[in-house]
């Protein structure tokens, strides 16, 4: 499940403007994360990638983006363990980028649905 609608419905009980602000903040964080991954030349040596992955995992979990949070947790563990090849880590990074983009879209769609109901 990409977006836990029950979880985010609780957040939206604080109002659409609150939810839109959370969406805006998450989107900015996600864009920065994607840029960081795209610009990293050696994922094994990038402590910043691991730290940002950890932050993204928490943010995604807080917003009910379960799939992204789980994937980020797996990627963070792989980065910390340092046992995977650079190619395997880059493949994980590409999967992270795809899931970040899909999660941003899912969140945006949910916010539009809530706006249309009002």
PDB file of N, CA and C in Angstrom:
ATOM      1  N   UNK A   1       0.847  -1.168   0.000  1.00  0.00           N
ATOM      2  CA  UNK A   1       0.000   0.000   0.000  1.00  0.00           C
ATOM      3  C   UNK A   1       0.898   1.238   0.000  1.00  0.00           C
ATOM      4  N   UNK A   2       0.712   2.067  -0.988  1.00  0.00           N
ATOM      5  CA  UNK A   2       1.540   3.265  -1.098  1.00  0.00           C
ATOM      6  C   UNK A   2       1.143   4.318  -0.065  1.00  0.00           C
ATOM      7  N   UNK A   3      -0.158   4.585   0.060  1.00  0.00           N
ATOM      8  CA  UNK A   3      -0.644   5.635   0.956  1.00  0.00           C
ATOM      9  C   UNK A   3      -1.695   5.054   1.895  1.00  0.00           C
ATOM     10  N   UNK A   4      -1.437   5.138   3.175  1.00  0.00           N
ATOM     11  CA  UNK A   4      -2.388   4.678   4.178  1.00  0.00           C
ATOM     12  C   UNK A   4      -3.441   5.777   4.352  1.00  0.00           C
ATOM     13  N   UNK A   5      -4.573   5.585   3.699  1.00  0.00           N
ATOM     14  CA  UNK A   5      -5.622   6.617   3.693  1.00  0.00           C
ATOM     15  C   UNK A   5      -6.229   6.841   5.076  1.00  0.00           C
ATOM     16  N   UNK A   6      -6.289   5.831   5.900  1.00  0.00           N
ATOM     17  CA  UNK A   6      -6.808   6.021   7.257  1.00  0.00           C
ATOM     18  C   UNK A   6      -5.877   6.919   8.072  1.00  0.00           C
ATOM     19  N   UNK A   7      -4.587   6.683   7.906  1.00  0.00           N
ATOM     20  CA  UNK A   7      -3.594   7.477   8.641  1.00  0.00           C
ATOM     21  C   UNK A   7      -3.666   8.944   8.217  1.00  0.00           C
ATOM     22  N   UNK A   8      -3.655   9.171   6.926  1.00  0.00           N
ATOM     23  CA  UNK A   8      -3.644  10.551   6.447  1.00  0.00           C
ATOM     24  C   UNK A   8      -4.983  11.240   6.655  1.00  0.00           C
ATOM     25  N   UNK A   9      -6.053  10.463   6.736  1.00  0.00           N
ATOM     26  CA  UNK A   9      -7.359  11.061   7.042  1.00  0.00           C
ATOM     27  C   UNK A   9      -7.327  11.696   8.430  1.00  0.00           C
ATOM     28  N   UNK A  10      -6.613  11.084   9.345  1.00  0.00           N
ATOM     29  CA  UNK A  10      -6.460  11.678  10.676  1.00  0.00           C
ATOM     30  C   UNK A  10      -5.716  13.007  10.599  1.00  0.00           C
ATOM     31  N   UNK A  11      -4.713  13.077   9.738  1.00  0.00           N
ATOM     32  CA  UNK A  11      -3.987  14.335   9.557  1.00  0.00           C
ATOM     33  C   UNK A  11      -4.877  15.403   8.931  1.00  0.00           C
ATOM     34  N   UNK A  12      -5.705  14.965   7.987  1.00  0.00           N
ATOM     35  CA  UNK A  12      -6.552  15.937   7.286  1.00  0.00           C
ATOM     36  C   UNK A  12      -7.668  16.461   8.181  1.00  0.00           C
ATOM     37  N   UNK A  13      -7.885  15.832   9.325  1.00  0.00           N
ATOM     38  CA  UNK A  13      -8.897  16.352  10.256  1.00  0.00           C
ATOM     39  C   UNK A  13      -8.465  17.696  10.830  1.00  0.00           C
ATOM     40  N   UNK A  14      -7.195  18.045  10.672  1.00  0.00           N
ATOM     41  CA  UNK A  14      -6.686  19.348  11.102  1.00  0.00           C
ATOM     42  C   UNK A  14      -6.938  20.431  10.056  1.00  0.00           C
ATOM     43  N   UNK A  15      -7.556  20.066   8.957  1.00  0.00           N
ATOM     44  CA  UNK A  15      -7.891  21.026   7.917  1.00  0.00           C
ATOM     45  C   UNK A  15      -7.062  20.833   6.665  1.00  0.00           C
ATOM     46  N   UNK A  16      -7.650  21.251   5.558  1.00  0.00           N
ATOM     47  CA  UNK A  16      -6.982  21.104   4.263  1.00  0.00           C
ATOM     48  C   UNK A  16      -5.723  21.955   4.191  1.00  0.00           C
ATOM     49  N   UNK A  17      -5.747  23.141   4.761  1.00  0.00           N
ATOM     50  CA  UNK A  17      -4.563  24.002   4.685  1.00  0.00           C
ATOM     51  C   UNK A  17      -3.385  23.364   5.415  1.00  0.00           C
ATOM     52  N   UNK A  18      -3.650  22.687   6.533  1.00  0.00           N
ATOM     53  CA  UNK A  18      -2.595  21.975   7.257  1.00  0.00           C
ATOM     54  C   UNK A  18      -2.034  20.848   6.398  1.00  0.00           C
ATOM     55  N   UNK A  19      -2.917  20.089   5.777  1.00  0.00           N
ATOM     56  CA  UNK A  19      -2.499  18.980   4.925  1.00  0.00           C
ATOM     57  C   UNK A  19      -1.711  19.483   3.719  1.00  0.00           C
ATOM     58  N   UNK A  20      -2.144  20.582   3.136  1.00  0.00           N
ATOM     59  CA  UNK A  20      -1.424  21.153   1.991  1.00  0.00           C
ATOM     60  C   UNK A  20      -0.026  21.623   2.394  1.00  0.00           C
ATOM     61  N   UNK A  21       0.095  22.157   3.598  1.00  0.00           N
ATOM     62  CA  UNK A  21       1.413  22.581   4.086  1.00  0.00           C
ATOM     63  C   UNK A  21       2.324  21.373   4.283  1.00  0.00           C
ATOM     64  N   UNK A  22       1.789  20.300   4.849  1.00  0.00           N
ATOM     65  CA  UNK A  22       2.575  19.069   4.991  1.00  0.00           C
ATOM     66  C   UNK A  22       3.002  18.539   3.626  1.00  0.00           C
ATOM     67  N   UNK A  23       2.093  18.585   2.667  1.00  0.00           N
ATOM     68  CA  UNK A  23       2.400  18.127   1.319  1.00  0.00           C
ATOM     69  C   UNK A  23       3.517  18.974   0.717  1.00  0.00           C
ATOM     70  N   UNK A  24       3.439  20.287   0.888  1.00  0.00           N
ATOM     71  CA  UNK A  24       4.454  21.189   0.335  1.00  0.00           C
ATOM     72  C   UNK A  24       5.825  20.895   0.946  1.00  0.00           C
ATOM     73  N   UNK A  25       5.862  20.741   2.261  1.00  0.00           N
ATOM     74  CA  UNK A  25       7.130  20.462   2.939  1.00  0.00           C
ATOM     75  C   UNK A  25       7.698  19.122   2.482  1.00  0.00           C
ATOM     76  N   UNK A  26       6.850  18.104   2.402  1.00  0.00           N
ATOM     77  CA  UNK A  26       7.315  16.791   1.968  1.00  0.00           C
ATOM     78  C   UNK A  26       7.817  16.839   0.530  1.00  0.00           C
ATOM     79  N   UNK A  27       7.120  17.548  -0.330  1.00  0.00           N
ATOM     80  CA  UNK A  27       7.535  17.634  -1.729  1.00  0.00           C
ATOM     81  C   UNK A  27       8.906  18.299  -1.847  1.00  0.00           C
ATOM     82  N   UNK A  28       9.142  19.347  -1.081  1.00  0.00           N
ATOM     83  CA  UNK A  28      10.461  19.992  -1.089  1.00  0.00           C
ATOM     84  C   UNK A  28      11.542  19.028  -0.622  1.00  0.00           C
ATOM     85  N   UNK A  29      11.252  18.302   0.459  1.00  0.00           N
ATOM     86  CA  UNK A  29      12.216  17.329   0.965  1.00  0.00           C
ATOM     87  C   UNK A  29      12.480  16.245  -0.082  1.00  0.00           C
ATOM     88  N   UNK A  30      11.427  15.768  -0.706  1.00  0.00           N
ATOM     89  CA  UNK A  30      11.543  14.712  -1.715  1.00  0.00           C
ATOM     90  C   UNK A  30      12.362  15.182  -2.908  1.00  0.00           C
ATOM     91  N   UNK A  31      12.121  16.411  -3.356  1.00  0.00           N
ATOM     92  CA  UNK A  31      12.888  16.945  -4.497  1.00  0.00           C
ATOM     93  C   UNK A  31      14.370  17.048  -4.158  1.00  0.00           C
ATOM     94  N   UNK A  32      14.674  17.492  -2.951  1.00  0.00           N
ATOM     95  CA  UNK A  32      16.069  17.573  -2.519  1.00  0.00           C
ATOM     96  C   UNK A  32      16.710  16.199  -2.430  1.00  0.00           C
ATOM     97  N   UNK A  33      15.942  15.224  -1.976  1.00  0.00           N
ATOM     98  CA  UNK A  33      16.451  13.861  -1.859  1.00  0.00           C
ATOM     99  C   UNK A  33      16.758  13.270  -3.232  1.00  0.00           C
ATOM    100  N   UNK A  34      15.838  13.461  -4.165  1.00  0.00           N
ATOM    101  CA  UNK A  34      16.052  12.950  -5.529  1.00  0.00           C
ATOM    102  C   UNK A  34      17.291  13.607  -6.141  1.00  0.00           C
ATOM    103  N   UNK A  35      17.431  14.912  -5.946  1.00  0.00           N
ATOM    104  CA  UNK A  35      18.615  15.608  -6.470  1.00  0.00           C
ATOM    105  C   UNK A  35      19.892  15.048  -5.847  1.00  0.00           C
ATOM    106  N   UNK A  36      19.852  14.797  -4.532  1.00  0.00           N
ATOM    107  CA  UNK A  36      21.016  14.228  -3.849  1.00  0.00           C
ATOM    108  C   UNK A  36      21.374  12.867  -4.432  1.00  0.00           C
ATOM    109  N   UNK A  37      20.377  12.008  -4.624  1.00  0.00           N
ATOM    110  CA  UNK A  37      20.657  10.688  -5.198  1.00  0.00           C
ATOM    111  C   UNK A  37      21.186  10.798  -6.621  1.00  0.00           C
ATOM    112  N   UNK A  38      20.606  11.692  -7.405  1.00  0.00           N
ATOM    113  CA  UNK A  38      21.053  11.847  -8.786  1.00  0.00           C
ATOM    114  C   UNK A  38      22.481  12.375  -8.884  1.00  0.00           C
ATOM    115  N   UNK A  39      22.925  13.113  -7.883  1.00  0.00           N
ATOM    116  CA  UNK A  39      24.256  13.713  -7.920  1.00  0.00           C
ATOM    117  C   UNK A  39      25.310  12.912  -7.170  1.00  0.00           C
ATOM    118  N   UNK A  40      24.923  11.815  -6.527  1.00  0.00           N
ATOM    119  CA  UNK A  40      25.873  11.005  -5.771  1.00  0.00           C
ATOM    120  C   UNK A  40      26.624  10.091  -6.720  1.00  0.00           C
ATOM    121  N   UNK A  41      27.944  10.139  -6.614  1.00  0.00           N
ATOM    122  CA  UNK A  41      28.760   9.314  -7.502  1.00  0.00           C
ATOM    123  C   UNK A  41      29.076   7.955  -6.882  1.00  0.00           C
ATOM    124  N   UNK A  42      29.210   7.896  -5.577  1.00  0.00           N
ATOM    125  CA  UNK A  42      29.494   6.634  -4.904  1.00  0.00           C
ATOM    126  C   UNK A  42      28.600   6.533  -3.678  1.00  0.00           C
ATOM    127  N   UNK A  43      27.518   5.774  -3.802  1.00  0.00           N
ATOM    128  CA  UNK A  43      26.555   5.689  -2.712  1.00  0.00           C
ATOM    129  C   UNK A  43      27.152   5.090  -1.448  1.00  0.00           C
ATOM    130  N   UNK A  44      28.120   4.206  -1.577  1.00  0.00           N
ATOM    131  CA  UNK A  44      28.703   3.588  -0.392  1.00  0.00           C
ATOM    132  C   UNK A  44      29.438   4.609   0.464  1.00  0.00           C
ATOM    133  N   UNK A  45      29.986   5.640  -0.158  1.00  0.00           N
ATOM    134  CA  UNK A  45      30.771   6.632   0.567  1.00  0.00           C
ATOM    135  C   UNK A  45      29.951   7.843   0.988  1.00  0.00           C
ATOM    136  N   UNK A  46      28.683   7.841   0.723  1.00  0.00           N
ATOM    137  CA  UNK A  46      27.860   9.015   0.961  1.00  0.00           C
ATOM    138  C   UNK A  46      27.091   8.936   2.278  1.00  0.00           C
ATOM    139  N   UNK A  47      27.693   9.434   3.338  1.00  0.00           N
ATOM    140  CA  UNK A  47      27.002   9.474   4.625  1.00  0.00           C
ATOM    141  C   UNK A  47      25.774  10.360   4.569  1.00  0.00           C
ATOM    142  N   UNK A  48      25.826  11.395   3.739  1.00  0.00           N
ATOM    143  CA  UNK A  48      24.686  12.305   3.601  1.00  0.00           C
ATOM    144  C   UNK A  48      23.488  11.591   2.984  1.00  0.00           C
ATOM    145  N   UNK A  49      23.736  10.681   2.049  1.00  0.00           N
ATOM    146  CA  UNK A  49      22.632   9.918   1.450  1.00  0.00           C
ATOM    147  C   UNK A  49      21.953   9.081   2.530  1.00  0.00           C
ATOM    148  N   UNK A  50      22.741   8.464   3.385  1.00  0.00           N
ATOM    149  CA  UNK A  50      22.177   7.632   4.454  1.00  0.00           C
ATOM    150  C   UNK A  50      21.370   8.504   5.424  1.00  0.00           C
ATOM    151  N   UNK A  51      21.907   9.646   5.797  1.00  0.00           N
ATOM    152  CA  UNK A  51      21.198  10.536   6.733  1.00  0.00           C
ATOM    153  C   UNK A  51      19.895  11.050   6.126  1.00  0.00           C
ATOM    154  N   UNK A  52      19.931  11.423   4.859  1.00  0.00           N
ATOM    155  CA  UNK A  52      18.724  11.925   4.205  1.00  0.00           C
ATOM    156  C   UNK A  52      17.705  10.803   3.982  1.00  0.00           C
ATOM    157  N   UNK A  53      18.187   9.601   3.746  1.00  0.00           N
ATOM    158  CA  UNK A  53      17.287   8.455   3.606  1.00  0.00           C
ATOM    159  C   UNK A  53      16.561   8.210   4.927  1.00  0.00           C
ATOM    160  N   UNK A  54      17.297   8.331   6.023  1.00  0.00           N
ATOM    161  CA  UNK A  54      16.688   8.169   7.347  1.00  0.00           C
ATOM    162  C   UNK A  54      15.609   9.227   7.583  1.00  0.00           C
ATOM    163  N   UNK A  55      15.895  10.463   7.232  1.00  0.00           N
ATOM    164  CA  UNK A  55      14.913  11.538   7.404  1.00  0.00           C
ATOM    165  C   UNK A  55      13.684  11.307   6.532  1.00  0.00           C
ATOM    166  N   UNK A  56      13.919  10.890   5.304  1.00  0.00           N
ATOM    167  CA  UNK A  56      12.812  10.629   4.387  1.00  0.00           C
ATOM    168  C   UNK A  56      11.941   9.481   4.902  1.00  0.00           C
ATOM    169  N   UNK A  57      12.586   8.461   5.453  1.00  0.00           N
ATOM    170  CA  UNK A  57      11.846   7.329   6.017  1.00  0.00           C
ATOM    171  C   UNK A  57      10.884   7.815   7.102  1.00  0.00           C
ATOM    172  N   UNK A  58      11.359   8.673   7.980  1.00  0.00           N
ATOM    173  CA  UNK A  58      10.517   9.202   9.045  1.00  0.00           C
ATOM    174  C   UNK A  58       9.401  10.088   8.528  1.00  0.00           C
ATOM    175  N   UNK A  59       9.725  10.958   7.591  1.00  0.00           N
ATOM    176  CA  UNK A  59       8.706  11.850   7.024  1.00  0.00           C
ATOM    177  C   UNK A  59       7.627  11.056   6.306  1.00  0.00           C
ATOM    178  N   UNK A  60       8.049  10.089   5.520  1.00  0.00           N
ATOM    179  CA  UNK A  60       7.090   9.263   4.781  1.00  0.00           C
ATOM    180  C   UNK A  60       6.185   8.509   5.748  1.00  0.00           C
ATOM    181  N   UNK A  61       6.766   7.945   6.800  1.00  0.00           N
ATOM    182  CA  UNK A  61       5.972   7.231   7.788  1.00  0.00           C
ATOM    183  C   UNK A  61       4.967   8.141   8.483  1.00  0.00           C
ATOM    184  N   UNK A  62       5.382   9.365   8.769  1.00  0.00           N
ATOM    185  CA  UNK A  62       4.498  10.324   9.429  1.00  0.00           C
ATOM    186  C   UNK A  62       3.314  10.718   8.566  1.00  0.00           C
ATOM    187  N   UNK A  63       3.483  10.628   7.253  1.00  0.00           N
ATOM    188  CA  UNK A  63       2.423  10.991   6.318  1.00  0.00           C
ATOM    189  C   UNK A  63       1.618   9.791   5.833  1.00  0.00           C
ATOM    190  N   UNK A  64       1.935   8.609   6.335  1.00  0.00           N
ATOM    191  CA  UNK A  64       1.196   7.423   5.912  1.00  0.00           C
ATOM    192  C   UNK A  64       1.660   6.859   4.586  1.00  0.00           C
ATOM    193  N   UNK A  65       2.840   7.261   4.137  1.00  0.00           N
ATOM    194  CA  UNK A  65       3.404   6.741   2.885  1.00  0.00           C
ATOM    195  C   UNK A  65       4.198   5.475   3.237  1.00  0.00           C
ATOM    196  N   UNK A  66       3.461   4.403   3.487  1.00  0.00           N
ATOM    197  CA  UNK A  66       4.028   3.174   4.037  1.00  0.00           C
ATOM    198  C   UNK A  66       5.056   2.506   3.127  1.00  0.00           C
ATOM    199  N   UNK A  67       4.760   2.425   1.847  1.00  0.00           N
ATOM    200  CA  UNK A  67       5.672   1.748   0.924  1.00  0.00           C
ATOM    201  C   UNK A  67       7.011   2.478   0.862  1.00  0.00           C
ATOM    202  N   UNK A  68       6.958   3.802   0.760  1.00  0.00           N
ATOM    203  CA  UNK A  68       8.193   4.588   0.705  1.00  0.00           C
ATOM    204  C   UNK A  68       8.976   4.457   2.006  1.00  0.00           C
ATOM    205  N   UNK A  69       8.278   4.513   3.128  1.00  0.00           N
ATOM    206  CA  UNK A  69       8.956   4.399   4.417  1.00  0.00           C
ATOM    207  C   UNK A  69       9.668   3.050   4.537  1.00  0.00           C
ATOM    208  N   UNK A  70       9.007   1.976   4.132  1.00  0.00           N
ATOM    209  CA  UNK A  70       9.621   0.640   4.193  1.00  0.00           C
ATOM    210  C   UNK A  70      10.816   0.536   3.253  1.00  0.00           C
ATOM    211  N   UNK A  71      10.660   1.037   2.034  1.00  0.00           N
ATOM    212  CA  UNK A  71      11.752   0.987   1.059  1.00  0.00           C
ATOM    213  C   UNK A  71      12.944   1.810   1.547  1.00  0.00           C
ATOM    214  N   UNK A  72      12.672   2.961   2.131  1.00  0.00           N
ATOM    215  CA  UNK A  72      13.746   3.802   2.667  1.00  0.00           C
ATOM    216  C   UNK A  72      14.470   3.088   3.805  1.00  0.00           C
ATOM    217  N   UNK A  73      13.718   2.374   4.641  1.00  0.00           N
ATOM    218  CA  UNK A  73      14.349   1.615   5.720  1.00  0.00           C
ATOM    219  C   UNK A  73      15.290   0.546   5.195  1.00  0.00           C
ATOM    220  N   UNK A  74      14.865  -0.139   4.147  1.00  0.00           N
ATOM    221  CA  UNK A  74      15.721  -1.164   3.531  1.00  0.00           C
ATOM    222  C   UNK A  74      16.958  -0.538   2.899  1.00  0.00           C
ATOM    223  N   UNK A  75      16.772   0.594   2.229  1.00  0.00           N
ATOM    224  CA  UNK A  75      17.894   1.278   1.578  1.00  0.00           C
ATOM    225  C   UNK A  75      18.874   1.802   2.631  1.00  0.00           C
ATOM    226  N   UNK A  76      18.336   2.381   3.691  1.00  0.00           N
ATOM    227  CA  UNK A  76      19.194   2.885   4.771  1.00  0.00           C
ATOM    228  C   UNK A  76      20.038   1.753   5.355  1.00  0.00           C
ATOM    229  N   UNK A  77      19.409   0.605   5.606  1.00  0.00           N
ATOM    230  CA  UNK A  77      20.141  -0.543   6.154  1.00  0.00           C
ATOM    231  C   UNK A  77      21.241  -0.995   5.195  1.00  0.00           C
ATOM    232  N   UNK A  78      20.917  -1.058   3.910  1.00  0.00           N
ATOM    233  CA  UNK A  78      21.923  -1.471   2.919  1.00  0.00           C
ATOM    234  C   UNK A  78      23.091  -0.492   2.886  1.00  0.00           C
ATOM    235  N   UNK A  79      22.801   0.798   2.990  1.00  0.00           N
ATOM    236  CA  UNK A  79      23.863   1.806   2.996  1.00  0.00           C
ATOM    237  C   UNK A  79      24.739   1.664   4.238  1.00  0.00           C
ATOM    238  N   UNK A  80      24.106   1.466   5.380  1.00  0.00           N
ATOM    239  CA  UNK A  80      24.868   1.355   6.641  1.00  0.00           C
ATOM    240  C   UNK A  80      25.688   0.078   6.694  1.00  0.00           C
ATOM    241  N   UNK A  81      25.114  -1.026   6.197  1.00  0.00           N
ATOM    242  CA  UNK A  81      25.821  -2.305   6.241  1.00  0.00           C
ATOM    243  C   UNK A  81      27.048  -2.303   5.339  1.00  0.00           C
ATOM    244  N   UNK A  82      26.948  -1.604   4.211  1.00  0.00           N
ATOM    245  CA  UNK A  82      28.083  -1.503   3.293  1.00  0.00           C
ATOM    246  C   UNK A  82      28.469  -2.804   2.631  1.00  0.00           C
ATOM    247  N   UNK A  83      27.556  -3.761   2.572  1.00  0.00           N
ATOM    248  CA  UNK A  83      27.883  -5.072   2.016  1.00  0.00           C
ATOM    249  C   UNK A  83      27.454  -5.249   0.571  1.00  0.00           C
ATOM    250  N   UNK A  84      26.668  -4.314   0.050  1.00  0.00           N
ATOM    251  CA  UNK A  84      26.198  -4.433  -1.332  1.00  0.00           C
ATOM    252  C   UNK A  84      27.149  -3.703  -2.280  1.00  0.00           C
ATOM    253  N   UNK A  85      27.169  -4.183  -3.502  1.00  0.00           N
ATOM    254  CA  UNK A  85      28.004  -3.540  -4.511  1.00  0.00           C
ATOM    255  C   UNK A  85      27.451  -2.157  -4.839  1.00  0.00           C
ATOM    256  N   UNK A  86      28.285  -1.344  -5.419  1.00  0.00           N
ATOM    257  CA  UNK A  86      27.860  -0.010  -5.837  1.00  0.00           C
ATOM    258  C   UNK A  86      26.712  -0.128  -6.834  1.00  0.00           C
ATOM    259  N   UNK A  87      26.789  -1.107  -7.730  1.00  0.00           N
ATOM    260  CA  UNK A  87      25.732  -1.301  -8.722  1.00  0.00           C
ATOM    261  C   UNK A  87      24.398  -1.643  -8.045  1.00  0.00           C
ATOM    262  N   UNK A  88      24.441  -2.513  -7.030  1.00  0.00           N
ATOM    263  CA  UNK A  88      23.215  -2.879  -6.311  1.00  0.00           C
ATOM    264  C   UNK A  88      22.647  -1.676  -5.567  1.00  0.00           C
ATOM    265  N   UNK A  89      23.523  -0.871  -4.975  1.00  0.00           N
ATOM    266  CA  UNK A  89      23.061   0.326  -4.272  1.00  0.00           C
ATOM    267  C   UNK A  89      22.478   1.348  -5.247  1.00  0.00           C
ATOM    268  N   UNK A  90      23.084   1.455  -6.402  1.00  0.00           N
ATOM    269  CA  UNK A  90      22.543   2.384  -7.405  1.00  0.00           C
ATOM    270  C   UNK A  90      21.171   1.918  -7.889  1.00  0.00           C
ATOM    271  N   UNK A  91      20.992   0.608  -8.013  1.00  0.00           N
ATOM    272  CA  UNK A  91      19.676   0.078  -8.390  1.00  0.00           C
ATOM    273  C   UNK A  91      18.658   0.379  -7.296  1.00  0.00           C
ATOM    274  N   UNK A  92      19.057   0.234  -6.039  1.00  0.00           N
ATOM    275  CA  UNK A  92      18.173   0.603  -4.934  1.00  0.00           C
ATOM    276  C   UNK A  92      17.864   2.096  -4.974  1.00  0.00           C
ATOM    277  N   UNK A  93      18.876   2.888  -5.300  1.00  0.00           N
ATOM    278  CA  UNK A  93      18.681   4.337  -5.406  1.00  0.00           C
ATOM    279  C   UNK A  93      17.680   4.690  -6.496  1.00  0.00           C
ATOM    280  N   UNK A  94      17.769   4.002  -7.622  1.00  0.00           N
ATOM    281  CA  UNK A  94      16.816   4.238  -8.718  1.00  0.00           C
ATOM    282  C   UNK A  94      15.400   3.850  -8.284  1.00  0.00           C
ATOM    283  N   UNK A  95      15.289   2.754  -7.541  1.00  0.00           N
ATOM    284  CA  UNK A  95      13.976   2.340  -7.029  1.00  0.00           C
ATOM    285  C   UNK A  95      13.448   3.366  -6.036  1.00  0.00           C
ATOM    286  N   UNK A  96      14.342   3.932  -5.242  1.00  0.00           N
ATOM    287  CA  UNK A  96      13.932   4.972  -4.287  1.00  0.00           C
ATOM    288  C   UNK A  96      13.396   6.198  -5.031  1.00  0.00           C
ATOM    289  N   UNK A  97      14.082   6.611  -6.066  1.00  0.00           N
ATOM    290  CA  UNK A  97      13.647   7.780  -6.836  1.00  0.00           C
ATOM    291  C   UNK A  97      12.248   7.532  -7.408  1.00  0.00           C
ATOM    292  N   UNK A  98      12.050   6.365  -7.982  1.00  0.00           N
ATOM    293  CA  UNK A  98      10.742   6.041  -8.563  1.00  0.00           C
ATOM    294  C   UNK A  98       9.652   6.053  -7.490  1.00  0.00           C
ATOM    295  N   UNK A  99       9.947   5.495  -6.325  1.00  0.00           N
ATOM    296  CA  UNK A  99       8.942   5.452  -5.262  1.00  0.00           C
ATOM    297  C   UNK A  99       8.698   6.834  -4.659  1.00  0.00           C
ATOM    298  N   UNK A 100       9.736   7.631  -4.546  1.00  0.00           N
ATOM    299  CA  UNK A 100       9.559   9.010  -4.062  1.00  0.00           C
ATOM    300  C   UNK A 100       8.601   9.747  -4.985  1.00  0.00           C
ATOM    301  N   UNK A 101       8.843   9.638  -6.281  1.00  0.00           N
ATOM    302  CA  UNK A 101       7.990  10.338  -7.255  1.00  0.00           C
ATOM    303  C   UNK A 101       6.558   9.816  -7.209  1.00  0.00           C
ATOM    304  N   UNK A 102       6.381   8.511  -7.103  1.00  0.00           N
ATOM    305  CA  UNK A 102       5.034   7.931  -7.025  1.00  0.00           C
ATOM    306  C   UNK A 102       4.339   8.351  -5.729  1.00  0.00           C
ATOM    307  N   UNK A 103       5.087   8.430  -4.647  1.00  0.00           N
ATOM    308  CA  UNK A 103       4.511   8.828  -3.362  1.00  0.00           C
ATOM    309  C   UNK A 103       4.097  10.294  -3.355  1.00  0.00           C
ATOM    310  N   UNK A 104       4.923  11.143  -3.946  1.00  0.00           N
ATOM    311  CA  UNK A 104       4.570  12.560  -4.061  1.00  0.00           C
ATOM    312  C   UNK A 104       3.277  12.693  -4.857  1.00  0.00           C
ATOM    313  N   UNK A 105       3.165  11.946  -5.946  1.00  0.00           N
ATOM    314  CA  UNK A 105       1.946  11.982  -6.770  1.00  0.00           C
ATOM    315  C   UNK A 105       0.734  11.473  -5.998  1.00  0.00           C
ATOM    316  N   UNK A 106       0.893  10.393  -5.252  1.00  0.00           N
ATOM    317  CA  UNK A 106      -0.216   9.831  -4.472  1.00  0.00           C
ATOM    318  C   UNK A 106      -0.687  10.827  -3.412  1.00  0.00           C
ATOM    319  N   UNK A 107       0.250  11.486  -2.760  1.00  0.00           N
ATOM    320  CA  UNK A 107      -0.097  12.469  -1.751  1.00  0.00           C
ATOM    321  C   UNK A 107      -0.795  13.671  -2.381  1.00  0.00           C
ATOM    322  N   UNK A 108      -0.281  14.118  -3.513  1.00  0.00           N
ATOM    323  CA  UNK A 108      -0.891  15.239  -4.229  1.00  0.00           C
ATOM    324  C   UNK A 108      -2.325  14.897  -4.644  1.00  0.00           C
ATOM    325  N   UNK A 109      -2.528  13.697  -5.145  1.00  0.00           N
ATOM    326  CA  UNK A 109      -3.864  13.257  -5.552  1.00  0.00           C
ATOM    327  C   UNK A 109      -4.810  13.216  -4.356  1.00  0.00           C
ATOM    328  N   UNK A 110      -4.329  12.725  -3.239  1.00  0.00           N
ATOM    329  CA  UNK A 110      -5.167  12.660  -2.042  1.00  0.00           C
ATOM    330  C   UNK A 110      -5.588  14.062  -1.592  1.00  0.00           C
ATOM    331  N   UNK A 111      -4.647  14.992  -1.595  1.00  0.00           N
ATOM    332  CA  UNK A 111      -4.961  16.365  -1.189  1.00  0.00           C
ATOM    333  C   UNK A 111      -5.997  16.973  -2.139  1.00  0.00           C
ATOM    334  N   UNK A 112      -5.867  16.706  -3.416  1.00  0.00           N
ATOM    335  CA  UNK A 112      -6.871  17.211  -4.375  1.00  0.00           C
ATOM    336  C   UNK A 112      -8.241  16.616  -4.096  1.00  0.00           C
ATOM    337  N   UNK A 113      -8.294  15.344  -3.778  1.00  0.00           N
ATOM    338  CA  UNK A 113      -9.564  14.701  -3.442  1.00  0.00           C
ATOM    339  C   UNK A 113     -10.216  15.372  -2.228  1.00  0.00           C
ATOM    340  N   UNK A 114      -9.431  15.653  -1.228  1.00  0.00           N
ATOM    341  CA  UNK A 114      -9.944  16.295  -0.015  1.00  0.00           C
ATOM    342  C   UNK A 114     -10.428  17.705  -0.336  1.00  0.00           C
ATOM    343  N   UNK A 115      -9.671  18.415  -1.150  1.00  0.00           N
ATOM    344  CA  UNK A 115     -10.090  19.779  -1.542  1.00  0.00           C
ATOM    345  C   UNK A 115     -11.398  19.746  -2.298  1.00  0.00           C
ATOM    346  N   UNK A 116     -11.561  18.782  -3.169  1.00  0.00           N
ATOM    347  CA  UNK A 116     -12.790  18.691  -3.978  1.00  0.00           C
ATOM    348  C   UNK A 116     -14.019  18.325  -3.159  1.00  0.00           C
ATOM    349  N   UNK A 117     -13.790  17.683  -2.016  1.00  0.00           N
ATOM    350  CA  UNK A 117     -14.926  17.317  -1.152  1.00  0.00           C
ATOM    351  C   UNK A 117     -15.452  18.506  -0.368  1.00  0.00           C
ATOM    352  N   UNK A 118     -14.636  19.550  -0.295  1.00  0.00           N
ATOM    353  CA  UNK A 118     -15.074  20.713   0.505  1.00  0.00           C
ATOM    354  C   UNK A 118     -15.799  21.737  -0.323  1.00  0.00           C
TER     355      UNK A 118
END
